[in-house]
Amino acid sequence: MLAPPPPMPLIMKPKPKRLMNVIHETRRPDSAPVFVRESLLDGQGLEATTVAYGKDGDMYINTTKDSAPSKEDLPKGVPAPAVSSDYRNPETNAEKADYRWVVNGKAPCSATCTTGLQSTYAQCQRKNGMVVEDANCDETKRPEPTHAVCFGKPCYARWVEGLWSQCSRSCGDGEQYRNVRCWQMMAPGFDSSVHDFLCDARRKPQYLRRCKERDCGPLWQVSEWTECSTKCGYGIQRREVRCSARQEDECVVGKKPAHEQRCYLGPCVNQWTVSEWSECSGPCGSGLRSRSVTCRDVNGNYLPSTQCDQGNRPIAVQACGDQPTCHPTWVPQEWGQCSADCGEGRANRKILCGAVVNNNFIVQPDAYCASKKRPVDEATCQAKPCEAQWFTTQWSKCSKTCGDNGVRVRTAKCYRKHSDSTAACDEKKKPATVEVCNMPPCEPLTPGGGCRDDKTANCALVLRVQLCDHWYYKKACCASCKADKRKNGS
């Protein structure tokens, strides 16, 4: 048997187009198969072809060619052995033993402030520590990601705005409203509304804006209600009603607001007092006598008549005559208070039908006096000159159909009494044009209803590290998690 030749020097070749592990096998009838695996050195861009010797002088050669070694691959003067080759790519299962999963990757903290979650994930590496594509490792042996609590700085308070409401008016100029509140995340899953001063006032979003719909036709405009005509008991409140057009018939008559309403200020504790009747002024049919009727408190002090019960006011005038019995006649009472606080108003008085029976005045049904002309019971009256006055339109519908913190609006304009021209009113007395309105609670959203991602959550990272099953991120990234679930068919 020939002595084995001396070891061959390392033969350097240019870097191959691809790296391959090549296994060469030789068999002889009297020997067991021997395998030699090449090692490719990629650090310097070169490969090393190793020549080795096995049992009984058999020679084994590693090469990167896609066929069995030829004479050109062998040292000069060395005959080619019987060689059969099995070439395999790194992706085959037989070679996956050269790669392993190493848990050394960390995702960023899920929260940039307060407390969050940090996930670890595995990377595929060669035995020499080089990170390679995940397909080189056995996916069934990949470690599950782990989650740990991570801590950041306290979260800054931020402005969170709601959706704009519908325009407050279906025609003409209106307003839109939305909620703008200051929020701060105290901990994952605990996002709380806080005082506005914790947020930057200079960056507070707009919460009210103008909107314009189609032009409206003429609208009714009303002034504020006057005070109740009495200080106790039942009285009357009045207000001015005008059409925004020059002619009142251009507004819808059926929608004209009321200009009077009853008011009640509680029971009266003051009392009416009366004087003695005066002498009769004439014969039957024209004779009258009167007395003063005044309002006093329990101490006998005089009070304005408005502070006594108008419904129980004694009559101040009655019929009389030169006979013990006189036929029924109309008996006007004293004029009441002027309906206007300024300018022209209306004053009313009671007109009684009464007769004298045995020198006593008896009130009769109006039909007993029907044959005689009835005196007027209403007349114009003049109060002090009027200043300019605020008029408002009716309130719009609430901007929300359910829930709290909706808004409704109206317009306010200043006019002079009985004038179509606008004027300068006291801005401090301008009626409110916007007010909050609360509606019945909204029905809860049904499962599968619409949802939105919280702007403060990093939902792209949540999907990457698979945190959608976490109770907090399931809610904070509702839309993203649902879309990912539909995409994956789960």
Protein backbone atom coordinates (compact mmCIF):
# COMPACT_ATOMS: atom_id res chain seq x y z
CA MET A 1 0.00 0.00 0.00
CA LEU A 2 1.29 3.40 -0.99
CA ALA A 3 2.22 5.83 1.72
CA PRO A 4 -0.11 8.81 1.85
CA PRO A 5 1.22 11.92 0.18
CA PRO A 6 2.13 14.94 2.32
CA PRO A 7 -0.67 17.36 3.30
CA MET A 8 -1.72 19.65 0.53
CA PRO A 9 -1.52 23.45 0.94
CA LEU A 10 -4.73 25.50 1.16
CA ILE A 11 -5.94 26.36 -2.34
CA MET A 12 -7.54 29.81 -2.54
CA LYS A 13 -10.26 30.43 -5.13
CA PRO A 14 -12.36 33.50 -5.92
CA LYS A 15 -15.54 33.92 -3.90
CA PRO A 16 -18.31 31.75 -5.41
CA LYS A 17 -21.57 33.21 -6.63
CA ARG A 18 -23.34 31.50 -3.73
CA LEU A 19 -22.31 29.77 -0.54
CA MET A 20 -22.99 26.06 -0.35
CA ASN A 21 -22.27 23.24 2.07
CA VAL A 22 -21.12 20.26 -0.02
CA ILE A 23 -20.95 16.73 1.27
CA HIS A 24 -18.78 14.16 -0.59
CA GLU A 25 -19.08 10.47 0.04
CA THR A 26 -16.93 7.51 -1.15
CA ARG A 27 -17.52 3.83 -0.58
CA ARG A 28 -15.34 0.75 -1.07
CA PRO A 29 -16.41 -2.82 -0.51
CA ASP A 30 -14.15 -3.19 2.52
CA SER A 31 -14.64 0.25 4.10
CA ALA A 32 -17.39 2.26 5.73
CA PRO A 33 -18.48 5.53 4.13
CA VAL A 34 -16.72 8.64 5.40
CA PHE A 35 -18.16 12.20 5.08
CA VAL A 36 -16.25 15.45 5.00
CA ARG A 37 -18.15 18.80 5.27
CA GLU A 38 -16.51 21.92 3.92
CA SER A 39 -16.30 25.20 5.86
CA LEU A 40 -16.75 28.33 3.78
CA LEU A 41 -14.92 31.40 5.04
CA ASP A 42 -16.91 34.40 3.90
CA GLY A 43 -15.32 37.07 6.10
CA GLN A 44 -12.66 38.01 3.51
CA GLY A 45 -14.74 37.33 0.42
CA LEU A 46 -12.83 34.04 -0.27
CA GLU A 47 -13.54 30.35 0.05
CA ALA A 48 -11.24 27.53 1.14
CA THR A 49 -11.35 24.15 -0.57
CA THR A 50 -10.26 21.46 1.85
CA VAL A 51 -8.52 18.24 0.74
CA ALA A 52 -8.70 15.45 3.30
CA TYR A 53 -7.80 11.77 3.51
CA GLY A 54 -9.88 9.00 4.97
CA LYS A 55 -9.63 5.28 5.69
CA ASP A 56 -7.35 3.19 3.46
CA GLY A 57 -6.01 6.24 1.68
CA ASP A 58 -9.28 7.31 0.12
CA MET A 59 -9.20 11.03 -0.69
CA TYR A 60 -12.17 13.33 -0.08
CA ILE A 61 -12.49 16.73 -1.68
CA ASN A 62 -14.87 19.60 -0.88
CA THR A 63 -15.80 21.87 -3.75
CA THR A 64 -18.46 24.48 -4.54
CA LYS A 65 -19.16 23.21 -8.03
CA ASP A 66 -22.59 21.83 -8.88
CA SER A 67 -21.10 18.50 -10.12
CA ALA A 68 -18.59 15.89 -8.95
CA PRO A 69 -14.91 17.08 -8.77
CA SER A 70 -12.96 16.88 -12.00
CA LYS A 71 -9.24 16.50 -12.59
CA GLU A 72 -8.85 20.27 -12.56
CA ASP A 73 -10.00 20.25 -8.89
CA LEU A 74 -7.26 17.77 -7.83
CA PRO A 75 -3.59 18.42 -7.08
CA LYS A 76 -1.28 17.63 -9.93
CA GLY A 77 -0.39 13.93 -10.15
CA VAL A 78 -3.20 12.80 -7.87
CA PRO A 79 -5.71 10.44 -9.52
CA ALA A 80 -9.41 11.20 -9.10
CA PRO A 81 -11.09 8.98 -6.52
CA ALA A 82 -14.48 7.43 -6.90
CA VAL A 83 -16.62 10.32 -5.66
CA SER A 84 -20.35 10.92 -5.63
CA SER A 85 -21.59 14.30 -4.40
CA ASP A 86 -24.73 15.46 -2.57
CA TYR A 87 -25.14 19.24 -2.79
CA ARG A 88 -27.66 20.91 -0.53
CA ASN A 89 -28.78 24.54 0.00
CA PRO A 90 -28.91 26.02 3.51
CA GLU A 91 -32.71 26.01 3.40
CA THR A 92 -32.99 22.19 3.41
CA ASN A 93 -33.87 20.45 6.64
CA ALA A 94 -30.65 18.47 6.63
CA GLU A 95 -28.67 21.68 7.06
CA LYS A 96 -30.89 23.45 9.60
CA ALA A 97 -28.83 21.93 12.38
CA ASP A 98 -26.17 24.55 11.55
CA TYR A 99 -28.63 27.35 12.55
CA ARG A 100 -30.41 28.16 15.77
CA TRP A 101 -32.94 30.59 17.24
CA VAL A 102 -31.50 33.15 19.63
CA VAL A 103 -33.75 35.44 21.71
CA ASN A 104 -31.85 38.71 21.52
CA GLY A 105 -34.22 41.16 19.78
CA LYS A 106 -36.26 43.75 21.67
CA ALA A 107 -39.10 45.87 20.31
CA PRO A 108 -39.36 49.48 21.49
CA CYS A 109 -41.49 50.13 24.56
CA SER A 110 -45.15 50.24 23.55
CA ALA A 111 -45.56 53.57 25.35
CA THR A 112 -43.32 56.59 24.98
CA CYS A 113 -44.39 57.72 28.44
CA THR A 114 -45.74 56.24 31.69
CA THR A 115 -45.82 52.40 31.76
CA GLY A 116 -45.85 50.17 28.71
CA LEU A 117 -44.92 46.72 27.45
CA GLN A 118 -41.69 45.66 25.76
CA SER A 119 -41.57 42.47 23.73
CA THR A 120 -38.61 40.26 22.92
CA TYR A 121 -38.35 38.22 19.74
CA ALA A 122 -36.04 35.53 18.35
CA GLN A 123 -33.58 35.86 15.48
CA CYS A 124 -32.07 33.11 13.34
CA GLN A 125 -28.25 32.84 13.62
CA ARG A 126 -25.46 30.67 12.38
CA LYS A 127 -23.24 28.93 14.90
CA ASN A 128 -20.68 31.67 14.37
CA GLY A 129 -23.25 34.28 15.54
CA MET A 130 -24.10 35.74 12.12
CA VAL A 131 -27.79 36.77 11.79
CA VAL A 132 -29.45 35.23 8.72
CA GLU A 133 -32.92 34.99 7.22
CA ASP A 134 -35.58 33.36 9.43
CA ALA A 135 -36.22 30.71 6.75
CA ASN A 136 -32.90 29.04 7.64
CA CYS A 137 -34.18 28.02 11.10
CA ASP A 138 -36.85 25.52 12.02
CA GLU A 139 -40.06 27.56 12.45
CA THR A 140 -41.59 24.93 14.71
CA LYS A 141 -38.83 25.54 17.28
CA ARG A 142 -39.10 29.34 17.27
CA PRO A 143 -39.43 30.65 20.87
CA GLU A 144 -42.62 32.54 21.74
CA PRO A 145 -42.21 36.30 22.28
CA THR A 146 -42.13 37.46 25.88
CA HIS A 147 -43.50 40.71 27.28
CA ALA A 148 -42.09 42.77 30.12
CA VAL A 149 -43.13 46.02 31.74
CA CYS A 150 -41.16 49.09 30.69
CA PHE A 151 -41.23 52.53 32.26
CA GLY A 152 -40.97 55.95 30.66
CA LYS A 153 -41.33 59.55 31.70
CA PRO A 154 -44.77 60.93 32.72
CA CYS A 155 -47.08 61.58 29.79
CA TYR A 156 -47.76 65.16 28.78
CA ALA A 157 -51.37 66.31 28.94
CA ARG A 158 -52.86 66.74 25.48
CA TRP A 159 -55.93 68.20 23.83
CA VAL A 160 -58.43 65.68 22.48
CA GLU A 161 -61.17 66.99 20.22
CA GLY A 162 -64.46 65.31 19.33
CA LEU A 163 -66.24 65.31 15.99
CA TRP A 164 -67.91 68.45 14.67
CA SER A 165 -71.65 68.58 15.19
CA GLN A 166 -74.05 69.21 12.36
CA CYS A 167 -74.69 72.83 11.49
CA SER A 168 -77.02 74.28 14.11
CA ARG A 169 -79.35 75.70 11.49
CA SER A 170 -80.79 74.02 8.42
CA CYS A 171 -80.72 77.35 6.60
CA GLY A 172 -78.77 80.56 6.89
CA ASP A 173 -75.83 81.14 9.19
CA GLY A 174 -75.28 78.65 11.98
CA GLU A 175 -72.55 77.23 14.16
CA GLN A 176 -70.84 73.90 14.63
CA TYR A 177 -69.59 72.70 17.97
CA ARG A 178 -67.30 69.97 19.22
CA ASN A 179 -65.93 68.91 22.58
CA VAL A 180 -62.30 69.84 23.27
CA ARG A 181 -60.97 68.45 26.53
CA CYS A 182 -57.60 68.06 28.17
CA TRP A 183 -56.58 64.42 28.72
CA GLN A 184 -53.57 62.75 30.26
CA MET A 185 -52.54 59.10 30.34
CA MET A 186 -51.88 58.14 33.94
CA ALA A 187 -51.16 54.45 33.22
CA PRO A 188 -51.91 51.99 30.42
CA GLY A 189 -55.68 51.75 30.16
CA PHE A 190 -56.21 54.76 32.42
CA ASP A 191 -56.62 57.87 30.28
CA SER A 192 -58.21 60.59 32.36
CA SER A 193 -59.73 64.00 31.72
CA VAL A 194 -57.75 66.65 33.62
CA HIS A 195 -57.93 70.40 34.20
CA ASP A 196 -57.45 72.54 31.10
CA PHE A 197 -54.51 74.41 32.62
CA LEU A 198 -52.39 71.24 32.32
CA CYS A 199 -52.60 71.52 28.52
CA ASP A 200 -50.96 74.18 26.39
CA ALA A 201 -53.64 76.87 25.98
CA ARG A 202 -51.87 78.21 22.88
CA ARG A 203 -52.48 74.92 21.08
CA LYS A 204 -56.08 74.39 22.12
CA PRO A 205 -58.08 73.35 19.05
CA GLN A 206 -61.06 75.41 17.91
CA TYR A 207 -64.30 74.23 19.49
CA LEU A 208 -66.80 76.53 17.73
CA ARG A 209 -66.97 77.57 14.10
CA ARG A 210 -69.43 79.20 11.77
CA CYS A 211 -71.30 77.25 9.09
CA LYS A 212 -73.69 78.39 6.37
CA GLU A 213 -76.52 76.49 4.76
CA ARG A 214 -79.03 77.61 2.13
CA ASP A 215 -80.61 81.02 2.58
CA CYS A 216 -83.60 81.23 4.91
CA GLY A 217 -86.83 83.07 4.26
CA PRO A 218 -88.16 85.76 6.65
CA LEU A 219 -88.06 84.72 10.31
CA TRP A 220 -89.95 85.76 13.41
CA GLN A 221 -87.89 87.65 15.95
CA VAL A 222 -88.84 88.19 19.59
CA SER A 223 -87.63 90.40 22.42
CA GLU A 224 -87.05 89.22 25.96
CA TRP A 225 -90.08 88.63 28.17
CA THR A 226 -91.01 91.49 30.46
CA GLU A 227 -91.24 90.95 34.18
CA CYS A 228 -94.45 89.47 35.53
CA SER A 229 -97.12 92.13 35.86
CA THR A 230 -97.56 91.20 39.53
CA LYS A 231 -95.20 90.49 42.38
CA CYS A 232 -97.33 87.65 43.71
CA GLY A 233 -100.14 85.46 42.50
CA TYR A 234 -100.93 85.32 38.78
CA GLY A 235 -99.89 87.95 36.30
CA ILE A 236 -98.99 88.52 32.65
CA GLN A 237 -95.64 88.61 30.82
CA ARG A 238 -95.34 90.27 27.44
CA ARG A 239 -92.75 90.52 24.68
CA GLU A 240 -92.40 92.09 21.26
CA VAL A 241 -92.77 89.87 18.19
CA ARG A 242 -91.61 91.12 14.79
CA CYS A 243 -90.92 89.70 11.33
CA SER A 244 -87.41 90.08 9.92
CA ALA A 245 -89.01 91.19 6.64
CA ARG A 246 -90.52 94.64 6.23
CA GLN A 247 -94.04 93.25 5.99
CA GLU A 248 -95.29 90.95 8.75
CA ASP A 249 -97.34 88.85 6.33
CA GLU A 250 -94.09 87.69 4.70
CA CYS A 251 -93.46 85.48 7.74
CA VAL A 252 -95.46 82.30 8.30
CA VAL A 253 -98.43 83.41 10.39
CA GLY A 254 -99.01 79.93 11.78
CA LYS A 255 -95.53 79.96 13.34
CA LYS A 256 -95.78 83.37 14.96
CA PRO A 257 -94.58 83.13 18.59
CA ALA A 258 -96.91 84.16 21.40
CA HIS A 259 -96.54 87.71 22.68
CA GLU A 260 -98.17 87.06 26.08
CA GLN A 261 -97.99 84.36 28.71
CA ARG A 262 -99.28 83.91 32.23
CA CYS A 263 -96.88 83.98 35.15
CA TYR A 264 -97.22 82.99 38.80
CA LEU A 265 -95.03 84.25 41.62
CA GLY A 266 -96.48 82.38 44.57
CA PRO A 267 -99.32 83.20 46.94
CA CYS A 268 -99.79 86.78 48.04
CA VAL A 269 -99.42 87.62 51.73
CA ASN A 270 -100.33 91.28 51.33
CA GLN A 271 -103.93 92.47 51.48
CA TRP A 272 -106.20 94.83 49.56
CA THR A 273 -107.71 97.66 51.61
CA VAL A 274 -110.61 99.88 50.54
CA SER A 275 -111.91 103.31 51.55
CA GLU A 276 -115.55 104.42 52.05
CA TRP A 277 -117.70 104.86 48.95
CA SER A 278 -118.05 108.36 47.55
CA GLU A 279 -121.37 110.11 47.03
CA CYS A 280 -123.43 109.06 43.97
CA SER A 281 -122.67 111.21 40.95
CA GLY A 282 -126.13 111.15 39.31
CA PRO A 283 -129.50 109.48 38.70
CA CYS A 284 -130.17 105.90 37.69
CA GLY A 285 -128.49 104.95 34.44
CA SER A 286 -125.63 107.46 34.77
CA GLY A 287 -124.85 107.68 38.47
CA LEU A 288 -121.58 106.16 39.75
CA ARG A 289 -119.73 106.11 43.01
CA SER A 290 -116.15 105.07 43.68
CA ARG A 291 -113.61 104.18 46.35
CA SER A 292 -109.89 103.80 46.53
CA VAL A 293 -108.39 100.30 46.49
CA THR A 294 -104.84 99.97 47.82
CA CYS A 295 -102.39 97.21 48.60
CA ARG A 296 -100.82 97.04 52.06
CA ASP A 297 -98.56 94.67 53.95
CA VAL A 298 -99.36 93.17 57.37
CA ASN A 299 -98.03 96.33 59.05
CA GLY A 300 -100.35 98.59 57.07
CA ASN A 301 -97.64 99.98 54.79
CA TYR A 302 -98.68 100.95 51.27
CA LEU A 303 -97.32 98.76 48.47
CA PRO A 304 -97.54 98.81 44.67
CA SER A 305 -100.74 97.16 43.50
CA THR A 306 -98.65 94.53 41.72
CA GLN A 307 -97.73 93.03 45.11
CA CYS A 308 -101.32 92.03 45.90
CA ASP A 309 -103.39 89.32 44.27
CA GLN A 310 -105.00 90.81 41.15
CA GLY A 311 -107.55 88.06 41.01
CA ASN A 312 -109.07 89.15 44.33
CA ARG A 313 -108.96 92.90 43.74
CA PRO A 314 -112.17 94.54 45.00
CA ILE A 315 -114.18 96.63 42.54
CA ALA A 316 -113.47 100.33 42.78
CA VAL A 317 -116.59 101.66 40.91
CA GLN A 318 -120.27 100.73 41.12
CA ALA A 319 -123.58 102.03 39.76
CA CYS A 320 -125.96 104.10 41.86
CA GLY A 321 -128.99 106.36 41.32
CA ASP A 322 -131.71 108.44 42.74
CA GLN A 323 -134.00 105.42 43.23
CA PRO A 324 -133.58 102.34 45.46
CA THR A 325 -133.66 100.15 42.31
CA CYS A 326 -132.03 100.93 38.96
CA HIS A 327 -131.96 98.95 35.71
CA PRO A 328 -128.74 97.11 34.71
CA THR A 329 -126.03 99.24 33.11
CA TRP A 330 -122.35 99.01 32.12
CA VAL A 331 -119.91 99.99 34.88
CA PRO A 332 -116.26 100.52 33.79
CA GLN A 333 -113.55 99.89 36.39
CA GLU A 334 -110.19 101.63 36.76
CA TRP A 335 -107.58 101.32 34.04
CA GLY A 336 -104.85 98.76 34.68
CA GLN A 337 -101.11 99.13 34.28
CA CYS A 338 -99.68 99.94 30.82
CA SER A 339 -98.39 96.82 29.10
CA ALA A 340 -95.24 98.53 27.84
CA ASP A 341 -92.24 99.52 29.90
CA CYS A 342 -91.40 102.09 27.25
CA GLY A 343 -93.02 103.60 24.21
CA GLU A 344 -96.58 102.72 23.29
CA GLY A 345 -98.44 99.94 25.06
CA ARG A 346 -101.93 98.77 25.89
CA ALA A 347 -103.97 99.26 29.06
CA ASN A 348 -107.02 97.23 30.04
CA ARG A 349 -109.92 97.61 32.41
CA LYS A 350 -112.84 95.50 33.52
CA ILE A 351 -116.34 96.34 32.29
CA LEU A 352 -119.07 95.06 34.64
CA CYS A 353 -122.79 94.79 34.01
CA GLY A 354 -124.63 95.69 37.24
CA ALA A 355 -127.93 96.86 38.71
CA VAL A 356 -129.02 98.63 41.89
CA VAL A 357 -131.36 96.53 43.99
CA ASN A 358 -132.59 98.00 47.28
CA ASN A 359 -129.67 100.47 47.21
CA ASN A 360 -127.16 97.63 46.76
CA PHE A 361 -125.04 97.15 43.65
CA ILE A 362 -125.43 93.64 42.18
CA VAL A 363 -123.24 92.36 39.32
CA GLN A 364 -125.39 90.90 36.50
CA PRO A 365 -124.63 88.75 33.45
CA ASP A 366 -123.42 90.75 30.44
CA ALA A 367 -126.58 89.82 28.53
CA TYR A 368 -128.62 92.07 30.84
CA CYS A 369 -126.73 95.07 29.46
CA ALA A 370 -126.64 93.98 25.80
CA SER A 371 -129.10 96.67 24.72
CA LYS A 372 -126.68 99.41 25.75
CA LYS A 373 -123.39 100.38 24.14
CA ARG A 374 -120.50 98.70 25.89
CA PRO A 375 -117.55 100.95 26.83
CA VAL A 376 -114.11 100.07 25.48
CA ASP A 377 -112.01 97.81 27.70
CA GLU A 378 -108.63 98.42 26.00
CA ALA A 379 -106.76 101.56 25.01
CA THR A 380 -103.30 102.65 24.00
CA CYS A 381 -100.96 104.05 26.62
CA GLN A 382 -97.61 105.79 26.52
CA ALA A 383 -94.66 104.95 28.74
CA LYS A 384 -91.19 106.47 28.75
CA PRO A 385 -89.29 106.68 25.41
CA CYS A 386 -87.79 103.37 24.35
CA GLU A 387 -84.14 102.69 23.83
CA ALA A 388 -82.85 100.16 21.30
CA GLN A 389 -83.78 96.57 22.16
CA TRP A 390 -82.37 93.11 21.47
CA PHE A 391 -84.47 90.69 19.39
CA THR A 392 -83.67 87.01 18.95
CA THR A 393 -84.78 84.20 16.66
CA GLN A 394 -86.03 80.87 18.00
CA TRP A 395 -83.47 78.35 19.30
CA SER A 396 -82.25 75.79 16.78
CA LYS A 397 -82.48 72.06 17.40
CA CYS A 398 -79.80 70.48 19.57
CA SER A 399 -76.69 69.50 17.61
CA LYS A 400 -76.87 66.02 19.16
CA THR A 401 -79.72 63.57 18.98
CA CYS A 402 -78.52 61.77 22.12
CA GLY A 403 -76.01 62.26 24.90
CA ASP A 404 -74.76 65.32 26.73
CA ASN A 405 -72.90 68.45 25.68
CA GLY A 406 -74.75 69.22 22.48
CA VAL A 407 -75.24 72.82 21.40
CA ARG A 408 -78.06 74.94 20.02
CA VAL A 409 -77.88 78.48 18.69
CA ARG A 410 -79.95 81.52 17.75
CA THR A 411 -79.24 84.95 16.30
CA ALA A 412 -79.61 88.24 18.16
CA LYS A 413 -80.08 91.65 16.54
CA CYS A 414 -80.68 95.09 17.98
CA TYR A 415 -83.61 97.20 16.73
CA ARG A 416 -85.31 100.38 17.74
CA LYS A 417 -88.95 100.10 18.71
CA HIS A 418 -91.21 99.97 15.63
CA SER A 419 -88.21 100.37 13.32
CA ASP A 420 -86.56 98.11 10.75
CA SER A 421 -83.16 99.72 11.18
CA THR A 422 -80.57 98.12 13.42
CA ALA A 423 -79.11 100.06 16.31
CA ALA A 424 -76.39 99.87 18.93
CA CYS A 425 -77.62 98.04 22.02
CA ASP A 426 -75.76 97.45 25.25
CA GLU A 427 -73.53 94.45 24.51
CA LYS A 428 -73.61 93.49 28.17
CA LYS A 429 -77.35 92.86 27.84
CA LYS A 430 -77.07 90.87 24.62
CA PRO A 431 -78.99 87.58 24.95
CA ALA A 432 -76.98 84.38 24.73
CA THR A 433 -76.73 82.99 21.20
CA VAL A 434 -75.19 79.61 22.09
CA GLU A 435 -76.12 77.23 24.86
CA VAL A 436 -75.38 73.63 25.81
CA CYS A 437 -78.21 71.13 25.45
CA ASN A 438 -78.42 67.61 26.87
CA MET A 439 -80.39 64.84 25.21
CA PRO A 440 -81.39 61.34 26.42
CA PRO A 441 -78.46 58.91 26.80
CA CYS A 442 -77.21 57.27 23.61
CA GLU A 443 -77.65 53.56 23.02
CA PRO A 444 -74.35 51.66 23.44
CA LEU A 445 -72.55 50.57 20.27
CA THR A 446 -73.42 47.06 19.18
CA PRO A 447 -70.62 44.49 18.80
CA GLY A 448 -68.82 45.01 15.54
CA GLY A 449 -69.75 48.71 15.45
CA GLY A 450 -67.40 51.41 14.30
CA CYS A 451 -64.26 52.18 16.29
CA ARG A 452 -61.18 54.36 15.91
CA ASP A 453 -57.53 54.08 16.87
CA ASP A 454 -56.29 56.24 19.72
CA LYS A 455 -53.83 58.76 18.26
CA THR A 456 -51.54 58.27 21.25
CA ALA A 457 -51.08 54.53 20.65
CA ASN A 458 -48.37 53.19 18.33
CA CYS A 459 -50.73 50.82 16.56
CA ALA A 460 -48.23 49.84 13.85
CA LEU A 461 -45.92 48.51 16.55
CA VAL A 462 -48.82 46.82 18.33
CA LEU A 463 -49.56 44.82 15.17
CA ARG A 464 -45.88 43.97 14.66
CA VAL A 465 -45.39 42.52 18.13
CA GLN A 466 -48.87 40.95 18.16
CA LEU A 467 -50.38 42.75 21.14
CA CYS A 468 -53.95 42.97 19.87
CA ASP A 469 -55.08 40.38 22.42
CA HIS A 470 -53.93 42.62 25.27
CA TRP A 471 -56.99 44.27 26.86
CA TYR A 472 -55.61 47.81 26.59
CA TYR A 473 -54.30 47.68 23.02
CA LYS A 474 -57.38 45.81 21.86
CA LYS A 475 -59.31 48.98 22.70
CA ALA A 476 -56.66 51.62 21.89
CA CYS A 477 -55.97 50.12 18.43
CA CYS A 478 -59.50 48.90 17.78
CA ALA A 479 -59.63 49.73 14.05
CA SER A 480 -56.11 48.46 13.24
CA CYS A 481 -56.59 45.21 15.17
CA LYS A 482 -59.94 44.52 13.49
CA ALA A 483 -58.47 45.17 10.03
CA ASP A 484 -55.51 42.88 10.79
CA LYS A 485 -57.89 40.19 12.02
CA ARG A 486 -59.93 40.35 8.79
CA LYS A 487 -56.74 40.32 6.70
CA ASN A 488 -55.50 37.14 8.38
CA GLY A 489 -58.91 35.53 8.16
CA SER A 490 -59.17 34.93 11.87
